[in-house]
PDB file of all heavy atoms in Angstrom:
ATOM      1  N   ILE A   1     -16.647  19.532  21.991  1.00  0.00           N
ATOM      2  CA  ILE A   1     -15.485  20.305  22.586  1.00  0.00           C
ATOM      3  C   ILE A   1     -16.007  21.180  23.709  1.00  0.00           C
ATOM      4  O   ILE A   1     -15.381  21.214  24.778  1.00  0.00           O
ATOM      5  CB  ILE A   1     -14.739  21.125  21.434  1.00  0.00           C
ATOM      6  CG1 ILE A   1     -14.079  20.179  20.459  1.00  0.00           C
ATOM      7  CG2 ILE A   1     -13.800  22.168  22.030  1.00  0.00           C
ATOM      8  CD1 ILE A   1     -13.583  20.790  19.228  1.00  0.00           C
ATOM      9  N   ARG A   2     -17.055  21.869  23.438  1.00  0.00           N
ATOM     10  CA  ARG A   2     -17.572  22.763  24.503  1.00  0.00           C
ATOM     11  C   ARG A   2     -18.112  21.948  25.766  1.00  0.00           C
ATOM     12  O   ARG A   2     -17.924  22.426  26.899  1.00  0.00           O
ATOM     13  CB  ARG A   2     -18.734  23.617  23.963  1.00  0.00           C
ATOM     14  CG  ARG A   2     -18.296  24.817  23.142  1.00  0.00           C
ATOM     15  CD  ARG A   2     -19.400  25.748  22.835  1.00  0.00           C
ATOM     16  NE  ARG A   2     -18.955  26.827  22.085  1.00  0.00           N
ATOM     17  CZ  ARG A   2     -18.416  27.970  22.531  1.00  0.00           C
ATOM     18  NH1 ARG A   2     -18.262  28.104  23.876  1.00  0.00           N
ATOM     19  NH2 ARG A   2     -18.005  28.961  21.781  1.00  0.00           N
ATOM     20  N   ALA A   3     -18.656  20.809  25.434  1.00  0.00           N
ATOM     21  CA  ALA A   3     -19.187  19.977  26.546  1.00  0.00           C
ATOM     22  C   ALA A   3     -18.098  19.542  27.474  1.00  0.00           C
ATOM     23  O   ALA A   3     -18.348  19.317  28.686  1.00  0.00           O
ATOM     24  CB  ALA A   3     -19.872  18.766  26.008  1.00  0.00           C
ATOM     25  N   MET A   4     -16.862  19.390  27.026  1.00  0.00           N
ATOM     26  CA  MET A   4     -15.734  19.106  27.930  1.00  0.00           C
ATOM     27  C   MET A   4     -15.047  20.254  28.564  1.00  0.00           C
ATOM     28  O   MET A   4     -14.045  20.146  29.233  1.00  0.00           O
ATOM     29  CB  MET A   4     -14.745  18.124  27.158  1.00  0.00           C
ATOM     30  CG  MET A   4     -14.101  18.756  26.052  1.00  0.00           C
ATOM     31  SD  MET A   4     -12.912  17.627  25.218  1.00  0.00           S
ATOM     32  CE  MET A   4     -13.936  16.510  24.303  1.00  0.00           C
ATOM     33  N   GLY A   5     -15.608  21.473  28.295  1.00  0.00           N
ATOM     34  CA  GLY A   5     -15.043  22.682  28.849  1.00  0.00           C
ATOM     35  C   GLY A   5     -13.825  23.197  28.125  1.00  0.00           C
ATOM     36  O   GLY A   5     -13.056  24.003  28.660  1.00  0.00           O
ATOM     37  N   ALA A   6     -13.626  22.747  26.853  1.00  0.00           N
ATOM     38  CA  ALA A   6     -12.478  23.224  26.094  1.00  0.00           C
ATOM     39  C   ALA A   6     -12.907  24.180  25.033  1.00  0.00           C
ATOM     40  O   ALA A   6     -14.071  24.429  24.793  1.00  0.00           O
ATOM     41  CB  ALA A   6     -11.802  21.985  25.503  1.00  0.00           C
ATOM     42  N   GLN A   7     -11.932  24.826  24.396  1.00  0.00           N
ATOM     43  CA  GLN A   7     -12.220  25.878  23.373  1.00  0.00           C
ATOM     44  C   GLN A   7     -11.324  25.687  22.217  1.00  0.00           C
ATOM     45  O   GLN A   7     -10.226  25.077  22.289  1.00  0.00           O
ATOM     46  CB  GLN A   7     -11.926  27.225  24.002  1.00  0.00           C
ATOM     47  CG  GLN A   7     -12.560  27.542  25.317  1.00  0.00           C
ATOM     48  CD  GLN A   7     -11.775  28.592  26.076  1.00  0.00           C
ATOM     49  OE1 GLN A   7     -11.866  29.763  25.832  1.00  0.00           O
ATOM     50  NE2 GLN A   7     -10.867  28.142  27.033  1.00  0.00           N
ATOM     51  N   ILE A   8     -11.730  26.298  21.079  1.00  0.00           N
ATOM     52  CA  ILE A   8     -10.912  26.392  19.867  1.00  0.00           C
ATOM     53  C   ILE A   8     -10.648  27.852  19.586  1.00  0.00           C
ATOM     54  O   ILE A   8     -11.507  28.708  19.746  1.00  0.00           O
ATOM     55  CB  ILE A   8     -11.734  25.758  18.629  1.00  0.00           C
ATOM     56  CG1 ILE A   8     -12.036  24.324  18.917  1.00  0.00           C
ATOM     57  CG2 ILE A   8     -10.886  25.961  17.342  1.00  0.00           C
ATOM     58  CD1 ILE A   8     -10.867  23.338  18.815  1.00  0.00           C
ATOM     59  N   VAL A   9      -9.446  28.134  19.096  1.00  0.00           N
ATOM     60  CA  VAL A   9      -9.157  29.454  18.542  1.00  0.00           C
ATOM     61  C   VAL A   9      -8.349  29.230  17.230  1.00  0.00           C
ATOM     62  O   VAL A   9      -7.420  28.385  17.207  1.00  0.00           O
ATOM     63  CB  VAL A   9      -8.420  30.398  19.507  1.00  0.00           C
ATOM     64  CG1 VAL A   9      -7.048  29.816  19.881  1.00  0.00           C
ATOM     65  CG2 VAL A   9      -8.368  31.779  18.977  1.00  0.00           C
ATOM     66  N   ALA A  10      -8.785  29.875  16.170  1.00  0.00           N
ATOM     67  CA  ALA A  10      -8.161  29.720  14.840  1.00  0.00           C
ATOM     68  C   ALA A  10      -7.318  30.960  14.585  1.00  0.00           C
ATOM     69  O   ALA A  10      -7.767  32.100  14.919  1.00  0.00           O
ATOM     70  CB  ALA A  10      -9.182  29.503  13.773  1.00  0.00           C
ATOM     71  N   ILE A  11      -6.183  30.789  13.908  1.00  0.00           N
ATOM     72  CA  ILE A  11      -5.270  31.884  13.619  1.00  0.00           C
ATOM     73  C   ILE A  11      -4.903  31.778  12.140  1.00  0.00           C
ATOM     74  O   ILE A  11      -4.520  30.690  11.650  1.00  0.00           O
ATOM     75  CB  ILE A  11      -4.044  31.839  14.493  1.00  0.00           C
ATOM     76  CG1 ILE A  11      -4.381  32.025  15.990  1.00  0.00           C
ATOM     77  CG2 ILE A  11      -3.006  32.956  14.079  1.00  0.00           C
ATOM     78  CD1 ILE A  11      -3.234  31.925  16.926  1.00  0.00           C
ATOM     79  N   MET A  12      -4.942  32.879  11.387  1.00  0.00           N
ATOM     80  CA  MET A  12      -4.466  32.845   9.992  1.00  0.00           C
ATOM     81  C   MET A  12      -3.992  34.261   9.648  1.00  0.00           C
ATOM     82  O   MET A  12      -4.285  35.240  10.323  1.00  0.00           O
ATOM     83  CB  MET A  12      -5.541  32.377   9.101  1.00  0.00           C
ATOM     84  CG  MET A  12      -6.795  33.121   9.030  1.00  0.00           C
ATOM     85  SD  MET A  12      -8.068  32.207   8.057  1.00  0.00           S
ATOM     86  CE  MET A  12      -8.977  33.556   7.303  1.00  0.00           C
ATOM     87  N   PRO A  13      -3.187  34.387   8.541  1.00  0.00           N
ATOM     88  CA  PRO A  13      -2.518  35.696   8.261  1.00  0.00           C
ATOM     89  C   PRO A  13      -3.305  36.626   7.459  1.00  0.00           C
ATOM     90  O   PRO A  13      -2.800  37.546   6.891  1.00  0.00           O
ATOM     91  CB  PRO A  13      -1.258  35.212   7.468  1.00  0.00           C
ATOM     92  CG  PRO A  13      -1.723  33.925   6.799  1.00  0.00           C
ATOM     93  CD  PRO A  13      -2.686  33.294   7.664  1.00  0.00           C
ATOM     94  N   GLU A  14      -4.669  36.457   7.386  1.00  0.00           N
ATOM     95  CA  GLU A  14      -5.460  37.280   6.507  1.00  0.00           C
ATOM     96  C   GLU A  14      -6.096  38.425   7.286  1.00  0.00           C
ATOM     97  O   GLU A  14      -6.325  38.321   8.569  1.00  0.00           O
ATOM     98  CB  GLU A  14      -6.531  36.424   5.834  1.00  0.00           C
ATOM     99  CG  GLU A  14      -5.941  35.347   4.946  1.00  0.00           C
ATOM    100  CD  GLU A  14      -6.974  34.685   4.113  1.00  0.00           C
ATOM    101  OE1 GLU A  14      -8.123  34.460   4.568  1.00  0.00           O
ATOM    102  OE2 GLU A  14      -6.642  34.243   2.968  1.00  0.00           O
ATOM    103  N   THR A  15      -6.463  39.445   6.613  1.00  0.00           N
ATOM    104  CA  THR A  15      -7.100  40.634   7.219  1.00  0.00           C
ATOM    105  C   THR A  15      -8.535  40.255   7.641  1.00  0.00           C
ATOM    106  O   THR A  15      -9.104  39.195   7.206  1.00  0.00           O
ATOM    107  CB  THR A  15      -7.165  41.828   6.314  1.00  0.00           C
ATOM    108  OG1 THR A  15      -7.958  41.483   5.143  1.00  0.00           O
ATOM    109  CG2 THR A  15      -5.740  42.180   5.833  1.00  0.00           C
ATOM    110  N   GLN A  16      -9.172  41.094   8.416  1.00  0.00           N
ATOM    111  CA  GLN A  16     -10.489  40.746   9.074  1.00  0.00           C
ATOM    112  C   GLN A  16     -11.555  40.524   8.039  1.00  0.00           C
ATOM    113  O   GLN A  16     -12.482  39.789   8.239  1.00  0.00           O
ATOM    114  CB  GLN A  16     -10.830  41.780  10.076  1.00  0.00           C
ATOM    115  CG  GLN A  16     -10.054  41.639  11.362  1.00  0.00           C
ATOM    116  CD  GLN A  16      -9.940  42.906  12.166  1.00  0.00           C
ATOM    117  OE1 GLN A  16     -10.775  43.764  12.090  1.00  0.00           O
ATOM    118  NE2 GLN A  16      -8.841  43.026  12.904  1.00  0.00           N
ATOM    119  N   GLU A  17     -11.395  41.182   6.863  1.00  0.00           N
ATOM    120  CA  GLU A  17     -12.423  40.946   5.880  1.00  0.00           C
ATOM    121  C   GLU A  17     -12.546  39.515   5.473  1.00  0.00           C
ATOM    122  O   GLU A  17     -13.652  38.969   5.250  1.00  0.00           O
ATOM    123  CB  GLU A  17     -12.086  41.752   4.571  1.00  0.00           C
ATOM    124  CG  GLU A  17     -12.971  41.573   3.378  1.00  0.00           C
ATOM    125  CD  GLU A  17     -12.512  42.304   2.148  1.00  0.00           C
ATOM    126  OE1 GLU A  17     -11.557  43.135   2.222  1.00  0.00           O
ATOM    127  OE2 GLU A  17     -13.097  42.057   1.092  1.00  0.00           O
ATOM    128  N   TYR A  18     -11.400  38.776   5.479  1.00  0.00           N
ATOM    129  CA  TYR A  18     -11.337  37.431   5.057  1.00  0.00           C
ATOM    130  C   TYR A  18     -11.511  36.472   6.241  1.00  0.00           C
ATOM    131  O   TYR A  18     -12.026  35.314   6.038  1.00  0.00           O
ATOM    132  CB  TYR A  18     -10.053  37.172   4.270  1.00  0.00           C
ATOM    133  CG  TYR A  18     -10.007  38.056   3.045  1.00  0.00           C
ATOM    134  CD1 TYR A  18      -9.214  39.160   3.012  1.00  0.00           C
ATOM    135  CD2 TYR A  18     -10.910  37.831   1.930  1.00  0.00           C
ATOM    136  CE1 TYR A  18      -9.203  39.994   1.917  1.00  0.00           C
ATOM    137  CE2 TYR A  18     -10.913  38.667   0.870  1.00  0.00           C
ATOM    138  CZ  TYR A  18     -10.040  39.722   0.853  1.00  0.00           C
ATOM    139  OH  TYR A  18     -10.109  40.605  -0.216  1.00  0.00           O
ATOM    140  N   THR A  19     -11.103  36.844   7.398  1.00  0.00           N
ATOM    141  CA  THR A  19     -11.464  36.008   8.575  1.00  0.00           C
ATOM    142  C   THR A  19     -12.958  35.981   8.778  1.00  0.00           C
ATOM    143  O   THR A  19     -13.530  34.989   9.137  1.00  0.00           O
ATOM    144  CB  THR A  19     -10.728  36.437   9.853  1.00  0.00           C
ATOM    145  OG1 THR A  19     -11.046  37.814  10.153  1.00  0.00           O
ATOM    146  CG2 THR A  19      -9.249  36.312   9.782  1.00  0.00           C
ATOM    147  N   GLN A  20     -13.582  37.109   8.503  1.00  0.00           N
ATOM    148  CA  GLN A  20     -15.066  37.169   8.612  1.00  0.00           C
ATOM    149  C   GLN A  20     -15.692  36.243   7.523  1.00  0.00           C
ATOM    150  O   GLN A  20     -16.641  35.539   7.823  1.00  0.00           O
ATOM    151  CB  GLN A  20     -15.553  38.581   8.364  1.00  0.00           C
ATOM    152  CG  GLN A  20     -15.379  39.507   9.548  1.00  0.00           C
ATOM    153  CD  GLN A  20     -15.675  40.960   9.208  1.00  0.00           C
ATOM    154  OE1 GLN A  20     -15.901  41.303   8.042  1.00  0.00           O
ATOM    155  NE2 GLN A  20     -15.790  41.800  10.205  1.00  0.00           N
ATOM    156  N   GLN A  21     -15.106  36.201   6.351  1.00  0.00           N
ATOM    157  CA  GLN A  21     -15.641  35.354   5.269  1.00  0.00           C
ATOM    158  C   GLN A  21     -15.585  33.886   5.713  1.00  0.00           C
ATOM    159  O   GLN A  21     -16.532  33.100   5.489  1.00  0.00           O
ATOM    160  CB  GLN A  21     -14.926  35.563   3.998  1.00  0.00           C
ATOM    161  CG  GLN A  21     -15.269  36.751   3.173  1.00  0.00           C
ATOM    162  CD  GLN A  21     -14.690  36.727   1.782  1.00  0.00           C
ATOM    163  OE1 GLN A  21     -14.367  35.635   1.216  1.00  0.00           O
ATOM    164  NE2 GLN A  21     -14.423  37.862   1.197  1.00  0.00           N
ATOM    165  N   LEU A  22     -14.381  33.453   6.280  1.00  0.00           N
ATOM    166  CA  LEU A  22     -14.264  32.040   6.639  1.00  0.00           C
ATOM    167  C   LEU A  22     -15.212  31.775   7.801  1.00  0.00           C
ATOM    168  O   LEU A  22     -15.826  30.696   7.861  1.00  0.00           O
ATOM    169  CB  LEU A  22     -12.800  31.770   7.040  1.00  0.00           C
ATOM    170  CG  LEU A  22     -12.528  30.337   7.431  1.00  0.00           C
ATOM    171  CD1 LEU A  22     -12.827  29.404   6.271  1.00  0.00           C
ATOM    172  CD2 LEU A  22     -11.057  30.171   7.845  1.00  0.00           C
ATOM    173  N   LYS A  23     -15.360  32.738   8.745  1.00  0.00           N
ATOM    174  CA  LYS A  23     -16.196  32.479   9.906  1.00  0.00           C
ATOM    175  C   LYS A  23     -17.664  32.308   9.482  1.00  0.00           C
ATOM    176  O   LYS A  23     -18.389  31.349   9.842  1.00  0.00           O
ATOM    177  CB  LYS A  23     -16.102  33.602  10.910  1.00  0.00           C
ATOM    178  CG  LYS A  23     -16.772  33.326  12.196  1.00  0.00           C
ATOM    179  CD  LYS A  23     -16.523  34.475  13.249  1.00  0.00           C
ATOM    180  CE  LYS A  23     -17.376  34.263  14.499  1.00  0.00           C
ATOM    181  NZ  LYS A  23     -16.747  33.328  15.435  1.00  0.00           N
ATOM    182  N   SER A  24     -18.154  33.240   8.582  1.00  0.00           N
ATOM    183  CA  SER A  24     -19.546  33.117   8.152  1.00  0.00           C
ATOM    184  C   SER A  24     -19.785  31.886   7.279  1.00  0.00           C
ATOM    185  O   SER A  24     -20.789  31.220   7.340  1.00  0.00           O
ATOM    186  CB  SER A  24     -19.979  34.427   7.483  1.00  0.00           C
ATOM    187  OG  SER A  24     -19.195  34.631   6.314  1.00  0.00           O
ATOM    188  N   GLY A  25     -18.747  31.609   6.418  1.00  0.00           N
ATOM    189  CA  GLY A  25     -18.888  30.463   5.477  1.00  0.00           C
ATOM    190  C   GLY A  25     -18.909  29.152   6.214  1.00  0.00           C
ATOM    191  O   GLY A  25     -19.585  28.196   5.755  1.00  0.00           O
ATOM    192  N   SER A  26     -18.135  29.057   7.329  1.00  0.00           N
ATOM    193  CA  SER A  26     -18.089  27.744   8.004  1.00  0.00           C
ATOM    194  C   SER A  26     -19.066  27.634   9.138  1.00  0.00           C
ATOM    195  O   SER A  26     -19.187  26.568   9.703  1.00  0.00           O
ATOM    196  CB  SER A  26     -16.641  27.574   8.522  1.00  0.00           C
ATOM    197  OG  SER A  26     -16.351  28.596   9.514  1.00  0.00           O
ATOM    198  N   GLY A  27     -19.612  28.811   9.613  1.00  0.00           N
ATOM    199  CA  GLY A  27     -20.425  28.783  10.792  1.00  0.00           C
ATOM    200  C   GLY A  27     -19.693  28.554  12.092  1.00  0.00           C
ATOM    201  O   GLY A  27     -20.191  28.173  13.074  1.00  0.00           O
ATOM    202  N   ALA A  28     -18.355  28.938  12.028  1.00  0.00           N
ATOM    203  CA  ALA A  28     -17.501  28.715  13.197  1.00  0.00           C
ATOM    204  C   ALA A  28     -18.008  29.558  14.377  1.00  0.00           C
ATOM    205  O   ALA A  28     -18.069  30.773  14.258  1.00  0.00           O
ATOM    206  CB  ALA A  28     -16.067  29.050  12.887  1.00  0.00           C
ATOM    207  N   PRO A  29     -18.242  28.934  15.521  1.00  0.00           N
ATOM    208  CA  PRO A  29     -18.698  29.697  16.699  1.00  0.00           C
ATOM    209  C   PRO A  29     -17.513  30.203  17.578  1.00  0.00           C
ATOM    210  O   PRO A  29     -17.716  30.844  18.554  1.00  0.00           O
ATOM    211  CB  PRO A  29     -19.544  28.711  17.456  1.00  0.00           C
ATOM    212  CG  PRO A  29     -18.863  27.363  17.138  1.00  0.00           C
ATOM    213  CD  PRO A  29     -18.310  27.464  15.761  1.00  0.00           C
ATOM    214  N   PHE A  30     -16.303  29.887  17.066  1.00  0.00           N
ATOM    215  CA  PHE A  30     -15.074  30.325  17.857  1.00  0.00           C
ATOM    216  C   PHE A  30     -14.413  31.425  17.082  1.00  0.00           C
ATOM    217  O   PHE A  30     -14.617  31.647  15.911  1.00  0.00           O
ATOM    218  CB  PHE A  30     -14.217  29.144  18.082  1.00  0.00           C
ATOM    219  CG  PHE A  30     -14.018  28.241  16.887  1.00  0.00           C
ATOM    220  CD1 PHE A  30     -13.088  28.609  15.865  1.00  0.00           C
ATOM    221  CD2 PHE A  30     -14.679  27.061  16.715  1.00  0.00           C
ATOM    222  CE1 PHE A  30     -12.887  27.831  14.749  1.00  0.00           C
ATOM    223  CE2 PHE A  30     -14.538  26.265  15.619  1.00  0.00           C
ATOM    224  CZ  PHE A  30     -13.625  26.662  14.600  1.00  0.00           C
ATOM    225  N   PRO A  31     -13.481  32.210  17.813  1.00  0.00           N
ATOM    226  CA  PRO A  31     -12.836  33.305  17.122  1.00  0.00           C
ATOM    227  C   PRO A  31     -11.813  32.871  16.071  1.00  0.00           C
ATOM    228  O   PRO A  31     -11.169  31.836  16.251  1.00  0.00           O
ATOM    229  CB  PRO A  31     -12.117  34.017  18.318  1.00  0.00           C
ATOM    230  CG  PRO A  31     -12.039  33.025  19.384  1.00  0.00           C
ATOM    231  CD  PRO A  31     -13.193  32.055  19.235  1.00  0.00           C
ATOM    232  N   ILE A  32     -11.771  33.641  15.021  1.00  0.00           N
ATOM    233  CA  ILE A  32     -10.718  33.441  13.982  1.00  0.00           C
ATOM    234  C   ILE A  32      -9.901  34.727  13.996  1.00  0.00           C
ATOM    235  O   ILE A  32     -10.387  35.813  13.693  1.00  0.00           O
ATOM    236  CB  ILE A  32     -11.326  33.194  12.607  1.00  0.00           C
ATOM    237  CG1 ILE A  32     -12.248  31.984  12.634  1.00  0.00           C
ATOM    238  CG2 ILE A  32     -10.211  33.023  11.549  1.00  0.00           C
ATOM    239  CD1 ILE A  32     -12.896  31.647  11.351  1.00  0.00           C
ATOM    240  N   LEU A  33      -8.648  34.552  14.384  1.00  0.00           N
ATOM    241  CA  LEU A  33      -7.748  35.748  14.652  1.00  0.00           C
ATOM    242  C   LEU A  33      -6.874  36.032  13.441  1.00  0.00           C
ATOM    243  O   LEU A  33      -6.441  35.123  12.715  1.00  0.00           O
ATOM    244  CB  LEU A  33      -6.867  35.433  15.867  1.00  0.00           C
ATOM    245  CG  LEU A  33      -7.621  34.931  17.106  1.00  0.00           C
ATOM    246  CD1 LEU A  33      -6.654  34.828  18.258  1.00  0.00           C
ATOM    247  CD2 LEU A  33      -8.780  35.852  17.507  1.00  0.00           C
ATOM    248  N   THR A  34      -6.547  37.320  13.331  1.00  0.00           N
ATOM    249  CA  THR A  34      -5.592  37.792  12.253  1.00  0.00           C
ATOM    250  C   THR A  34      -4.233  37.883  12.841  1.00  0.00           C
ATOM    251  O   THR A  34      -3.954  38.632  13.726  1.00  0.00           O
ATOM    252  CB  THR A  34      -6.074  39.168  11.715  1.00  0.00           C
ATOM    253  OG1 THR A  34      -7.301  39.006  11.017  1.00  0.00           O
ATOM    254  CG2 THR A  34      -5.048  39.758  10.793  1.00  0.00           C
ATOM    255  N   ASP A  35      -3.328  37.092  12.210  1.00  0.00           N
ATOM    256  CA  ASP A  35      -1.881  37.245  12.572  1.00  0.00           C
ATOM    257  C   ASP A  35      -1.222  37.954  11.417  1.00  0.00           C
ATOM    258  O   ASP A  35      -0.617  37.328  10.554  1.00  0.00           O
ATOM    259  CB  ASP A  35      -1.312  35.810  12.734  1.00  0.00           C
ATOM    260  CG  ASP A  35       0.129  35.800  13.173  1.00  0.00           C
ATOM    261  OD1 ASP A  35       0.586  36.815  13.747  1.00  0.00           O
ATOM    262  OD2 ASP A  35       0.797  34.717  12.909  1.00  0.00           O
ATOM    263  N   LEU A  36      -1.324  39.237  11.422  1.00  0.00           N
ATOM    264  CA  LEU A  36      -0.874  40.051  10.253  1.00  0.00           C
ATOM    265  C   LEU A  36       0.656  39.930  10.114  1.00  0.00           C
ATOM    266  O   LEU A  36       1.381  39.949  11.142  1.00  0.00           O
ATOM    267  CB  LEU A  36      -1.288  41.541  10.483  1.00  0.00           C
ATOM    268  CG  LEU A  36      -1.446  42.361   9.181  1.00  0.00           C
ATOM    269  CD1 LEU A  36      -2.495  41.710   8.281  1.00  0.00           C
ATOM    270  CD2 LEU A  36      -1.748  43.760   9.516  1.00  0.00           C
ATOM    271  N   ASP A  37       1.082  39.729   8.899  1.00  0.00           N
ATOM    272  CA  ASP A  37       2.532  39.518   8.626  1.00  0.00           C
ATOM    273  C   ASP A  37       3.103  38.276   9.284  1.00  0.00           C
ATOM    274  O   ASP A  37       4.290  38.136   9.373  1.00  0.00           O
ATOM    275  CB  ASP A  37       3.345  40.749   8.991  1.00  0.00           C
ATOM    276  CG  ASP A  37       2.906  42.029   8.258  1.00  0.00           C
ATOM    277  OD1 ASP A  37       2.373  41.899   7.155  1.00  0.00           O
ATOM    278  OD2 ASP A  37       3.054  43.110   8.822  1.00  0.00           O
ATOM    279  N   ASN A  38       2.207  37.405   9.729  1.00  0.00           N
ATOM    280  CA  ASN A  38       2.631  36.151  10.331  1.00  0.00           C
ATOM    281  C   ASN A  38       3.515  36.368  11.529  1.00  0.00           C
ATOM    282  O   ASN A  38       4.440  35.503  11.829  1.00  0.00           O
ATOM    283  CB  ASN A  38       3.293  35.249   9.295  1.00  0.00           C
ATOM    284  CG  ASN A  38       2.387  34.576   8.318  1.00  0.00           C
ATOM    285  OD1 ASN A  38       1.732  33.628   8.588  1.00  0.00           O
ATOM    286  ND2 ASN A  38       2.330  35.191   7.139  1.00  0.00           N
ATOM    287  N   GLY A  39       3.354  37.424  12.312  1.00  0.00           N
ATOM    288  CA  GLY A  39       4.249  37.706  13.388  1.00  0.00           C
ATOM    289  C   GLY A  39       4.225  36.601  14.474  1.00  0.00           C
ATOM    290  O   GLY A  39       5.315  36.182  14.914  1.00  0.00           O
ATOM    291  N   TYR A  40       3.078  36.148  14.839  1.00  0.00           N
ATOM    292  CA  TYR A  40       3.040  35.060  15.907  1.00  0.00           C
ATOM    293  C   TYR A  40       3.517  33.788  15.334  1.00  0.00           C
ATOM    294  O   TYR A  40       4.314  33.038  15.974  1.00  0.00           O
ATOM    295  CB  TYR A  40       1.568  34.941  16.440  1.00  0.00           C
ATOM    296  CG  TYR A  40       1.463  33.970  17.604  1.00  0.00           C
ATOM    297  CD1 TYR A  40       2.230  34.154  18.696  1.00  0.00           C
ATOM    298  CD2 TYR A  40       0.546  32.904  17.534  1.00  0.00           C
ATOM    299  CE1 TYR A  40       2.108  33.289  19.821  1.00  0.00           C
ATOM    300  CE2 TYR A  40       0.455  32.012  18.595  1.00  0.00           C
ATOM    301  CZ  TYR A  40       1.220  32.231  19.745  1.00  0.00           C
ATOM    302  OH  TYR A  40       1.130  31.311  20.844  1.00  0.00           O
TER     303      TYR A  40
END
């Protein structure tokens, strides 16, 4: 994905404590964003 100049961004309704858990557990090099209360 990076080689073609594209990007990933993940969004989920959890607080940063848990977005951090998913990021570290998966080794995701892209941002995992908090959509609190599912506003977006």
